Amino acid sequence: MWDFFETVRNRHSIRKYRDNAPVENEKLHAILEMACAAPSAGDLQSYKIVVIADQQDRKRLEQAAEDQPFISQAPICLAFCADPERSAEKYGDRGRNLYAIQDATIAATFAQLAIVAAGMGSTWVGHFNDKAVADILKLDKGVIPVALLSIGYPADIPEQSNRRRLDDVVKHL
C-alpha cells in the first residue's frame, strides 16, 4: 500500500482512459466514503456529490465543459456541488459565499486522492457552464456545481509536470 506522500506524488491529470475498464462498485463506494470523510465547516458537509455513469449524460457534461472529451470517455464522472444555504444557516454570508465552496472542493480533493490510492486516475474540471451543468445534474435550486472529476483506469500516465519551487510559494513569518 502506498503511503500518503506517494499517493500525492502519483496524482496526475488523466485525459485518456482504458476502454472497457469500468470502475468497480466497491472502489466507487470507498472513494465516496473518503470524500465524505473530508473536513467541512462546522461538520455541515455543505455539498452534494452526483455520480454520473450514464454515457449520454457524460457526453452532455463534456459539451457543457467546452468539449473536454475525457469527461465522456471516462466511465464515471463525479460532480461536486456546493450547498450554500446549508452553510449559511450557521455561518451567514461567509458560509454562503465561502465555506460551502471550500467544503465541496475539499471533498473533491479527498476523492481525487482516494482515486489514486484505488489504482485509478482522474482529471479535475472547473471550466464549464454552471447553468448547463446544473440543468444536466438536475440540481435543487441554490445548489451550484463547483468541480467535475472524470475517473477511470488510465490508458497512459503523463509525465510529472513542473511545480513551482517552495520558496516561490511559501512565505515564513
N, C-alpha and C. Protein backbone atom coordinates (compact mmCIF):
# COMPACT_ATOMS: atom_id res chain seq x y z
N MET A 1 0.85 -1.18 0.00
CA MET A 1 0.00 0.00 0.00
C MET A 1 0.89 1.25 0.00
N TRP A 2 0.53 2.18 -0.82
CA TRP A 2 1.28 3.42 -0.89
C TRP A 2 1.01 4.25 0.35
N ASP A 3 2.02 4.99 0.75
CA ASP A 3 1.76 5.93 1.82
C ASP A 3 1.19 7.22 1.21
N PHE A 4 0.79 8.13 2.06
CA PHE A 4 0.14 9.36 1.61
C PHE A 4 1.02 10.15 0.63
N PHE A 5 2.31 10.27 0.93
CA PHE A 5 3.20 11.07 0.10
C PHE A 5 3.33 10.48 -1.31
N GLU A 6 3.38 9.18 -1.40
CA GLU A 6 3.43 8.53 -2.72
C GLU A 6 2.12 8.72 -3.47
N THR A 7 1.01 8.66 -2.76
CA THR A 7 -0.29 8.89 -3.39
C THR A 7 -0.33 10.28 -4.01
N VAL A 8 0.09 11.28 -3.25
CA VAL A 8 0.08 12.65 -3.76
C VAL A 8 1.04 12.78 -4.95
N ARG A 9 2.23 12.23 -4.82
CA ARG A 9 3.22 12.33 -5.91
C ARG A 9 2.76 11.63 -7.19
N ASN A 10 1.89 10.64 -7.07
CA ASN A 10 1.43 9.88 -8.23
C ASN A 10 0.09 10.34 -8.76
N ARG A 11 -0.37 11.47 -8.28
CA ARG A 11 -1.60 12.04 -8.83
C ARG A 11 -1.27 12.83 -10.08
N HIS A 12 -1.92 12.49 -11.16
CA HIS A 12 -1.75 13.18 -12.44
C HIS A 12 -3.13 13.47 -13.02
N SER A 13 -3.21 14.47 -13.87
CA SER A 13 -4.45 14.69 -14.61
C SER A 13 -4.49 13.69 -15.76
N ILE A 14 -5.46 12.80 -15.72
CA ILE A 14 -5.58 11.72 -16.71
C ILE A 14 -6.63 12.13 -17.74
N ARG A 15 -6.21 12.15 -18.99
CA ARG A 15 -7.12 12.57 -20.06
C ARG A 15 -7.38 11.45 -21.07
N LYS A 16 -6.83 10.26 -20.80
CA LYS A 16 -7.11 9.09 -21.64
C LYS A 16 -7.34 7.91 -20.70
N TYR A 17 -8.48 7.25 -20.90
CA TYR A 17 -8.86 6.15 -20.04
C TYR A 17 -8.94 4.85 -20.83
N ARG A 18 -8.68 3.73 -20.16
CA ARG A 18 -8.75 2.42 -20.80
C ARG A 18 -10.19 2.11 -21.17
N ASP A 19 -10.36 1.60 -22.37
CA ASP A 19 -11.68 1.15 -22.82
C ASP A 19 -12.08 -0.10 -22.05
N ASN A 20 -13.35 -0.27 -21.85
CA ASN A 20 -13.88 -1.48 -21.21
C ASN A 20 -13.24 -1.79 -19.86
N ALA A 21 -12.97 -0.75 -19.10
CA ALA A 21 -12.42 -0.92 -17.75
C ALA A 21 -13.31 -0.13 -16.79
N PRO A 22 -14.45 -0.71 -16.44
CA PRO A 22 -15.37 0.02 -15.56
C PRO A 22 -14.80 0.20 -14.15
N VAL A 23 -15.32 1.18 -13.48
CA VAL A 23 -14.97 1.42 -12.07
C VAL A 23 -15.82 0.47 -11.24
N GLU A 24 -15.15 -0.35 -10.43
CA GLU A 24 -15.87 -1.32 -9.60
C GLU A 24 -16.70 -0.59 -8.55
N ASN A 25 -17.88 -1.13 -8.27
CA ASN A 25 -18.79 -0.50 -7.29
C ASN A 25 -18.14 -0.35 -5.93
N GLU A 26 -17.35 -1.35 -5.51
CA GLU A 26 -16.70 -1.28 -4.20
C GLU A 26 -15.71 -0.12 -4.14
N LYS A 27 -14.96 0.06 -5.22
CA LYS A 27 -14.00 1.17 -5.26
C LYS A 27 -14.71 2.51 -5.30
N LEU A 28 -15.77 2.61 -6.09
CA LEU A 28 -16.53 3.86 -6.15
C LEU A 28 -17.10 4.18 -4.77
N HIS A 29 -17.63 3.19 -4.10
CA HIS A 29 -18.18 3.40 -2.76
C HIS A 29 -17.09 3.88 -1.80
N ALA A 30 -15.91 3.27 -1.86
CA ALA A 30 -14.80 3.68 -0.98
C ALA A 30 -14.36 5.11 -1.27
N ILE A 31 -14.32 5.48 -2.55
CA ILE A 31 -13.95 6.85 -2.94
C ILE A 31 -14.97 7.84 -2.38
N LEU A 32 -16.24 7.53 -2.50
CA LEU A 32 -17.29 8.41 -1.99
C LEU A 32 -17.23 8.51 -0.47
N GLU A 33 -16.92 7.41 0.20
CA GLU A 33 -16.75 7.46 1.65
C GLU A 33 -15.61 8.38 2.04
N MET A 34 -14.50 8.33 1.31
CA MET A 34 -13.36 9.20 1.61
C MET A 34 -13.71 10.66 1.35
N ALA A 35 -14.47 10.93 0.30
CA ALA A 35 -14.90 12.30 0.03
C ALA A 35 -15.74 12.82 1.21
N CYS A 36 -16.60 11.98 1.72
CA CYS A 36 -17.47 12.40 2.83
C CYS A 36 -16.74 12.43 4.17
N ALA A 37 -15.52 11.89 4.21
CA ALA A 37 -14.70 11.96 5.42
C ALA A 37 -13.92 13.27 5.49
N ALA A 38 -13.98 14.06 4.43
CA ALA A 38 -13.24 15.32 4.38
C ALA A 38 -13.75 16.29 5.44
N PRO A 39 -12.86 17.13 5.96
CA PRO A 39 -13.32 18.14 6.91
C PRO A 39 -14.23 19.15 6.23
N SER A 40 -15.14 19.71 7.02
CA SER A 40 -16.03 20.74 6.49
C SER A 40 -16.36 21.70 7.62
N ALA A 41 -16.71 22.91 7.23
CA ALA A 41 -17.04 23.95 8.23
C ALA A 41 -18.19 23.48 9.10
N GLY A 42 -17.94 23.42 10.40
CA GLY A 42 -18.97 23.02 11.34
C GLY A 42 -19.46 21.60 11.14
N ASP A 43 -18.69 20.78 10.43
CA ASP A 43 -19.10 19.41 10.08
C ASP A 43 -20.46 19.37 9.37
N LEU A 44 -20.78 20.44 8.65
CA LEU A 44 -22.08 20.52 7.97
C LEU A 44 -22.11 19.77 6.64
N GLN A 45 -20.94 19.52 6.06
CA GLN A 45 -20.88 18.90 4.73
C GLN A 45 -21.83 19.61 3.77
N SER A 46 -21.57 20.88 3.57
CA SER A 46 -22.44 21.72 2.75
C SER A 46 -22.17 21.49 1.27
N TYR A 47 -22.37 20.25 0.84
CA TYR A 47 -22.15 19.88 -0.56
C TYR A 47 -23.01 18.69 -0.92
N LYS A 48 -23.13 18.47 -2.20
CA LYS A 48 -23.77 17.29 -2.77
C LYS A 48 -22.76 16.69 -3.75
N ILE A 49 -22.79 15.38 -3.87
CA ILE A 49 -21.95 14.69 -4.85
C ILE A 49 -22.90 13.93 -5.77
N VAL A 50 -22.76 14.15 -7.07
CA VAL A 50 -23.59 13.47 -8.06
C VAL A 50 -22.69 12.51 -8.84
N VAL A 51 -23.08 11.25 -8.93
CA VAL A 51 -22.34 10.24 -9.69
C VAL A 51 -23.01 10.13 -11.06
N ILE A 52 -22.22 10.36 -12.10
CA ILE A 52 -22.75 10.30 -13.47
C ILE A 52 -22.09 9.13 -14.17
N ALA A 53 -22.87 8.05 -14.35
CA ALA A 53 -22.38 6.85 -15.02
C ALA A 53 -22.92 6.75 -16.44
N ASP A 54 -24.04 7.38 -16.69
CA ASP A 54 -24.69 7.29 -18.00
C ASP A 54 -23.87 8.01 -19.07
N GLN A 55 -23.58 7.30 -20.15
CA GLN A 55 -22.75 7.84 -21.25
C GLN A 55 -23.35 9.11 -21.85
N GLN A 56 -24.66 9.13 -22.05
CA GLN A 56 -25.30 10.31 -22.66
C GLN A 56 -25.18 11.52 -21.75
N ASP A 57 -25.34 11.32 -20.45
CA ASP A 57 -25.20 12.43 -19.51
C ASP A 57 -23.75 12.92 -19.46
N ARG A 58 -22.79 12.00 -19.52
CA ARG A 58 -21.37 12.43 -19.54
C ARG A 58 -21.05 13.17 -20.83
N LYS A 59 -21.66 12.77 -21.93
CA LYS A 59 -21.46 13.47 -23.20
C LYS A 59 -22.04 14.89 -23.10
N ARG A 60 -23.18 15.04 -22.47
CA ARG A 60 -23.76 16.38 -22.28
C ARG A 60 -22.87 17.24 -21.38
N LEU A 61 -22.30 16.61 -20.34
CA LEU A 61 -21.35 17.35 -19.48
C LEU A 61 -20.12 17.77 -20.27
N GLU A 62 -19.64 16.89 -21.13
CA GLU A 62 -18.49 17.23 -21.99
C GLU A 62 -18.79 18.50 -22.79
N GLN A 63 -19.97 18.55 -23.37
CA GLN A 63 -20.36 19.72 -24.16
C GLN A 63 -20.50 20.96 -23.29
N ALA A 64 -21.02 20.81 -22.09
CA ALA A 64 -21.16 21.94 -21.17
C ALA A 64 -19.81 22.43 -20.66
N ALA A 65 -18.79 21.59 -20.82
CA ALA A 65 -17.42 21.94 -20.40
C ALA A 65 -16.55 22.26 -21.62
N GLU A 66 -17.17 22.84 -22.62
CA GLU A 66 -16.47 23.27 -23.84
C GLU A 66 -15.69 22.14 -24.48
N ASP A 67 -16.36 21.00 -24.58
CA ASP A 67 -15.86 19.85 -25.35
C ASP A 67 -14.53 19.29 -24.84
N GLN A 68 -14.48 18.99 -23.56
CA GLN A 68 -13.34 18.29 -22.99
C GLN A 68 -13.67 16.79 -23.05
N PRO A 69 -13.13 16.07 -24.06
CA PRO A 69 -13.60 14.71 -24.38
C PRO A 69 -13.39 13.67 -23.30
N PHE A 70 -12.42 13.85 -22.43
CA PHE A 70 -12.16 12.83 -21.41
C PHE A 70 -13.32 12.70 -20.43
N ILE A 71 -14.18 13.72 -20.34
CA ILE A 71 -15.33 13.64 -19.44
C ILE A 71 -16.26 12.51 -19.86
N SER A 72 -16.51 12.37 -21.15
CA SER A 72 -17.39 11.28 -21.60
C SER A 72 -16.63 9.99 -21.84
N GLN A 73 -15.31 10.05 -22.01
CA GLN A 73 -14.52 8.84 -22.22
C GLN A 73 -14.31 8.07 -20.92
N ALA A 74 -14.21 8.77 -19.80
CA ALA A 74 -14.06 8.10 -18.51
C ALA A 74 -15.38 7.39 -18.18
N PRO A 75 -15.32 6.26 -17.50
CA PRO A 75 -16.55 5.53 -17.21
C PRO A 75 -17.44 6.19 -16.15
N ILE A 76 -16.86 7.07 -15.34
CA ILE A 76 -17.62 7.74 -14.28
C ILE A 76 -17.18 9.21 -14.22
N CYS A 77 -18.13 10.06 -13.93
CA CYS A 77 -17.82 11.45 -13.62
C CYS A 77 -18.49 11.74 -12.28
N LEU A 78 -17.75 12.39 -11.40
CA LEU A 78 -18.31 12.83 -10.13
C LEU A 78 -18.45 14.34 -10.17
N ALA A 79 -19.60 14.84 -9.80
CA ALA A 79 -19.83 16.29 -9.74
C ALA A 79 -19.93 16.69 -8.27
N PHE A 80 -19.10 17.64 -7.87
CA PHE A 80 -19.10 18.17 -6.51
C PHE A 80 -19.78 19.52 -6.55
N CYS A 81 -20.83 19.65 -5.76
CA CYS A 81 -21.67 20.84 -5.81
C CYS A 81 -21.81 21.44 -4.41
N ALA A 82 -21.71 22.74 -4.34
CA ALA A 82 -21.85 23.45 -3.06
C ALA A 82 -23.33 23.66 -2.75
N ASP A 83 -23.64 23.56 -1.45
CA ASP A 83 -24.99 23.83 -0.96
C ASP A 83 -24.88 25.04 -0.02
N PRO A 84 -24.81 26.25 -0.60
CA PRO A 84 -24.53 27.46 0.18
C PRO A 84 -25.52 27.73 1.31
N GLU A 85 -26.78 27.43 1.11
CA GLU A 85 -27.78 27.75 2.14
C GLU A 85 -27.63 26.85 3.36
N ARG A 86 -27.14 25.65 3.17
CA ARG A 86 -26.89 24.76 4.31
C ARG A 86 -25.84 25.39 5.23
N SER A 87 -24.80 25.94 4.63
CA SER A 87 -23.74 26.57 5.41
C SER A 87 -24.19 27.92 5.97
N ALA A 88 -25.01 28.63 5.21
CA ALA A 88 -25.47 29.96 5.63
C ALA A 88 -26.35 29.89 6.88
N GLU A 89 -27.04 28.77 7.08
CA GLU A 89 -27.88 28.64 8.28
C GLU A 89 -27.07 28.82 9.55
N LYS A 90 -25.82 28.40 9.54
CA LYS A 90 -24.97 28.51 10.73
C LYS A 90 -24.01 29.69 10.64
N TYR A 91 -23.50 29.97 9.43
CA TYR A 91 -22.41 30.94 9.29
C TYR A 91 -22.76 32.20 8.50
N GLY A 92 -24.00 32.35 8.11
CA GLY A 92 -24.41 33.56 7.39
C GLY A 92 -23.74 33.70 6.04
N ASP A 93 -23.44 34.95 5.67
CA ASP A 93 -22.88 35.22 4.34
C ASP A 93 -21.53 34.53 4.11
N ARG A 94 -20.69 34.49 5.12
CA ARG A 94 -19.38 33.84 4.94
C ARG A 94 -19.56 32.34 4.63
N GLY A 95 -20.51 31.71 5.28
CA GLY A 95 -20.82 30.32 4.98
C GLY A 95 -21.36 30.16 3.58
N ARG A 96 -22.28 31.06 3.21
CA ARG A 96 -22.90 31.03 1.88
C ARG A 96 -21.86 31.26 0.79
N ASN A 97 -21.00 32.26 0.95
CA ASN A 97 -20.10 32.69 -0.12
C ASN A 97 -18.74 31.99 -0.13
N LEU A 98 -18.35 31.39 0.99
CA LEU A 98 -17.01 30.79 1.06
C LEU A 98 -17.02 29.35 1.56
N TYR A 99 -17.58 29.12 2.74
CA TYR A 99 -17.44 27.80 3.38
C TYR A 99 -18.03 26.67 2.54
N ALA A 100 -19.18 26.89 1.92
CA ALA A 100 -19.79 25.83 1.12
C ALA A 100 -18.91 25.47 -0.08
N ILE A 101 -18.29 26.48 -0.69
CA ILE A 101 -17.36 26.23 -1.81
C ILE A 101 -16.15 25.46 -1.30
N GLN A 102 -15.61 25.88 -0.16
CA GLN A 102 -14.47 25.17 0.41
C GLN A 102 -14.84 23.72 0.74
N ASP A 103 -16.00 23.52 1.34
CA ASP A 103 -16.43 22.16 1.68
C ASP A 103 -16.45 21.26 0.44
N ALA A 104 -17.03 21.76 -0.65
CA ALA A 104 -17.13 20.96 -1.88
C ALA A 104 -15.75 20.67 -2.47
N THR A 105 -14.86 21.67 -2.45
CA THR A 105 -13.54 21.45 -3.04
C THR A 105 -12.67 20.54 -2.18
N ILE A 106 -12.81 20.63 -0.86
CA ILE A 106 -12.04 19.72 0.00
C ILE A 106 -12.53 18.29 -0.22
N ALA A 107 -13.84 18.09 -0.31
CA ALA A 107 -14.38 16.75 -0.56
C ALA A 107 -13.88 16.22 -1.91
N ALA A 108 -13.84 17.08 -2.92
CA ALA A 108 -13.35 16.66 -4.23
C ALA A 108 -11.86 16.30 -4.17
N THR A 109 -11.09 17.04 -3.40
CA THR A 109 -9.67 16.74 -3.24
C THR A 109 -9.47 15.39 -2.55
N PHE A 110 -10.22 15.14 -1.50
CA PHE A 110 -10.13 13.83 -0.84
C PHE A 110 -10.50 12.72 -1.81
N ALA A 111 -11.54 12.92 -2.61
CA ALA A 111 -11.94 11.93 -3.61
C ALA A 111 -10.82 11.71 -4.62
N GLN A 112 -10.20 12.80 -5.07
CA GLN A 112 -9.14 12.67 -6.07
C GLN A 112 -7.97 11.85 -5.54
N LEU A 113 -7.60 12.04 -4.29
CA LEU A 113 -6.52 11.25 -3.69
C LEU A 113 -6.95 9.80 -3.48
N ALA A 114 -8.21 9.58 -3.10
CA ALA A 114 -8.71 8.22 -2.95
C ALA A 114 -8.72 7.48 -4.28
N ILE A 115 -9.00 8.19 -5.35
CA ILE A 115 -8.99 7.61 -6.69
C ILE A 115 -7.59 7.07 -7.00
N VAL A 116 -6.57 7.86 -6.71
CA VAL A 116 -5.19 7.41 -6.94
C VAL A 116 -4.88 6.20 -6.07
N ALA A 117 -5.24 6.26 -4.80
CA ALA A 117 -4.99 5.15 -3.88
C ALA A 117 -5.69 3.87 -4.33
N ALA A 118 -6.80 4.02 -5.07
CA ALA A 118 -7.54 2.87 -5.58
C ALA A 118 -7.00 2.36 -6.91
N GLY A 119 -5.89 2.96 -7.39
CA GLY A 119 -5.26 2.50 -8.62
C GLY A 119 -5.83 3.09 -9.89
N MET A 120 -6.56 4.17 -9.76
CA MET A 120 -7.15 4.81 -10.92
C MET A 120 -6.62 6.23 -11.08
N GLY A 121 -7.20 6.96 -12.01
CA GLY A 121 -6.81 8.34 -12.23
C GLY A 121 -8.03 9.21 -12.46
N SER A 122 -7.79 10.51 -12.44
CA SER A 122 -8.89 11.47 -12.61
C SER A 122 -8.36 12.76 -13.21
N THR A 123 -9.28 13.57 -13.64
CA THR A 123 -8.97 14.94 -14.02
C THR A 123 -10.02 15.84 -13.39
N TRP A 124 -9.53 16.90 -12.77
CA TRP A 124 -10.38 17.91 -12.16
C TRP A 124 -10.80 18.88 -13.25
N VAL A 125 -12.09 19.11 -13.38
CA VAL A 125 -12.62 20.05 -14.37
C VAL A 125 -13.36 21.15 -13.63
N GLY A 126 -12.91 22.37 -13.81
CA GLY A 126 -13.57 23.51 -13.21
C GLY A 126 -14.11 24.48 -14.25
N HIS A 127 -13.74 24.25 -15.51
CA HIS A 127 -14.16 25.14 -16.60
C HIS A 127 -15.39 24.54 -17.27
N PHE A 128 -16.55 25.10 -16.94
CA PHE A 128 -17.80 24.62 -17.54
C PHE A 128 -18.86 25.69 -17.37
N ASN A 129 -19.95 25.54 -18.10
CA ASN A 129 -21.10 26.43 -18.00
C ASN A 129 -21.92 26.00 -16.79
N ASP A 130 -21.93 26.83 -15.75
CA ASP A 130 -22.60 26.48 -14.50
C ASP A 130 -24.06 26.09 -14.69
N LYS A 131 -24.79 26.90 -15.43
CA LYS A 131 -26.23 26.65 -15.61
C LYS A 131 -26.46 25.36 -16.37
N ALA A 132 -25.70 25.13 -17.43
CA ALA A 132 -25.87 23.90 -18.22
C ALA A 132 -25.58 22.68 -17.36
N VAL A 133 -24.51 22.72 -16.57
CA VAL A 133 -24.18 21.59 -15.71
C VAL A 133 -25.25 21.39 -14.65
N ALA A 134 -25.71 22.46 -14.03
CA ALA A 134 -26.78 22.36 -13.02
C ALA A 134 -28.04 21.72 -13.62
N ASP A 135 -28.37 22.09 -14.86
CA ASP A 135 -29.54 21.52 -15.53
C ASP A 135 -29.34 20.03 -15.81
N ILE A 136 -28.17 19.66 -16.30
CA ILE A 136 -27.88 18.25 -16.59
C ILE A 136 -27.97 17.42 -15.32
N LEU A 137 -27.46 17.96 -14.23
CA LEU A 137 -27.44 17.23 -12.95
C LEU A 137 -28.76 17.31 -12.20
N LYS A 138 -29.69 18.12 -12.71
CA LYS A 138 -31.00 18.31 -12.05
C LYS A 138 -30.82 18.73 -10.59
N LEU A 139 -29.97 19.73 -10.38
CA LEU A 139 -29.67 20.19 -9.03
C LEU A 139 -30.84 20.96 -8.45
N ASP A 140 -31.01 20.84 -7.14
CA ASP A 140 -32.01 21.64 -6.44
C ASP A 140 -31.64 23.11 -6.55
N LYS A 141 -32.62 23.96 -6.46
CA LYS A 141 -32.39 25.40 -6.53
C LYS A 141 -31.38 25.81 -5.45
N GLY A 142 -30.41 26.61 -5.84
CA GLY A 142 -29.41 27.12 -4.92
C GLY A 142 -28.17 26.26 -4.80
N VAL A 143 -28.22 25.00 -5.24
CA VAL A 143 -27.04 24.13 -5.22
C VAL A 143 -26.26 24.41 -6.50
N ILE A 144 -24.95 24.65 -6.36
CA ILE A 144 -24.15 25.06 -7.51
C ILE A 144 -23.00 24.10 -7.78
N PRO A 145 -22.78 23.74 -9.05
CA PRO A 145 -21.66 22.86 -9.38
C PRO A 145 -20.34 23.61 -9.20
N VAL A 146 -19.37 22.92 -8.60
CA VAL A 146 -18.07 23.51 -8.32
C VAL A 146 -16.96 22.82 -9.12
N ALA A 147 -17.00 21.49 -9.16
CA ALA A 147 -15.94 20.73 -9.83
C ALA A 147 -16.49 19.41 -10.34
N LEU A 148 -15.95 18.98 -11.48
CA LEU A 148 -16.23 17.66 -12.02
C LEU A 148 -14.94 16.86 -11.94
N LEU A 149 -15.04 15.59 -11.61
CA LEU A 149 -13.89 14.69 -11.65
C LEU A 149 -14.23 13.55 -12.59
N SER A 150 -13.51 13.45 -13.70
CA SER A 150 -13.64 12.27 -14.55
C SER A 150 -12.76 11.20 -13.91
N ILE A 151 -13.27 9.97 -13.79
CA ILE A 151 -12.47 8.94 -13.15
C ILE A 151 -12.52 7.63 -13.92
N GLY A 152 -11.40 6.92 -13.88
CA GLY A 152 -11.30 5.62 -14.53
C GLY A 152 -9.87 5.13 -14.48
N TYR A 153 -9.63 4.04 -15.18
CA TYR A 153 -8.29 3.47 -15.24
C TYR A 153 -7.51 4.16 -16.37
N PRO A 154 -6.34 4.70 -16.06
CA PRO A 154 -5.58 5.45 -17.06
C PRO A 154 -5.12 4.56 -18.23
N ALA A 155 -5.21 5.10 -19.43
CA ALA A 155 -4.64 4.44 -20.61
C ALA A 155 -3.14 4.71 -20.65
N ASP A 156 -2.74 5.85 -20.15
CA ASP A 156 -1.32 6.17 -20.02
C ASP A 156 -1.15 7.18 -18.88
N ILE A 157 0.06 7.24 -18.38
CA ILE A 157 0.37 8.16 -17.28
C ILE A 157 1.25 9.27 -17.84
N PRO A 158 0.80 10.51 -17.73
CA PRO A 158 1.62 11.62 -18.25
C PRO A 158 2.85 11.86 -17.37
N GLU A 159 3.81 12.54 -17.93
CA GLU A 159 5.00 12.94 -17.17
C GLU A 159 4.59 13.89 -16.05
N GLN A 160 5.33 13.86 -14.98
CA GLN A 160 5.08 14.79 -13.88
C GLN A 160 5.33 16.21 -14.38
N SER A 161 4.40 17.10 -14.10
CA SER A 161 4.57 18.49 -14.54
C SER A 161 5.51 19.22 -13.59
N ASN A 162 6.11 20.26 -14.09
CA ASN A 162 6.99 21.08 -13.24
C ASN A 162 6.16 21.84 -12.23
N ARG A 163 6.65 21.89 -11.03
CA ARG A 163 5.97 22.61 -9.96
C ARG A 163 6.84 23.80 -9.57
N ARG A 164 6.20 24.82 -9.06
CA ARG A 164 6.96 25.98 -8.57
C ARG A 164 7.81 25.57 -7.39
N ARG A 165 8.93 26.22 -7.24
CA ARG A 165 9.80 25.97 -6.09
C ARG A 165 9.09 26.42 -4.82
N LEU A 166 9.39 25.76 -3.71
CA LEU A 166 8.76 26.10 -2.44
C LEU A 166 8.98 27.57 -2.06
N ASP A 167 10.19 28.07 -2.29
CA ASP A 167 10.43 29.46 -1.90
C ASP A 167 9.69 30.47 -2.78
N ASP A 168 9.12 30.03 -3.91
CA ASP A 168 8.26 30.88 -4.71
C ASP A 168 6.83 30.89 -4.21
N VAL A 169 6.48 29.88 -3.42
CA VAL A 169 5.10 29.69 -2.98
C VAL A 169 4.93 29.98 -1.49
N VAL A 170 5.92 29.61 -0.70
CA VAL A 170 5.80 29.65 0.74
C VAL A 170 6.49 30.88 1.30
N LYS A 171 5.82 31.54 2.24
CA LYS A 171 6.40 32.67 2.94
C LYS A 171 6.39 32.35 4.42
N HIS A 172 7.51 32.49 5.07
CA HIS A 172 7.62 32.27 6.51
C HIS A 172 7.62 33.61 7.23
N LEU A 173 6.86 33.73 8.27
CA LEU A 173 6.83 34.96 9.08
C LEU A 173 7.63 34.75 10.35
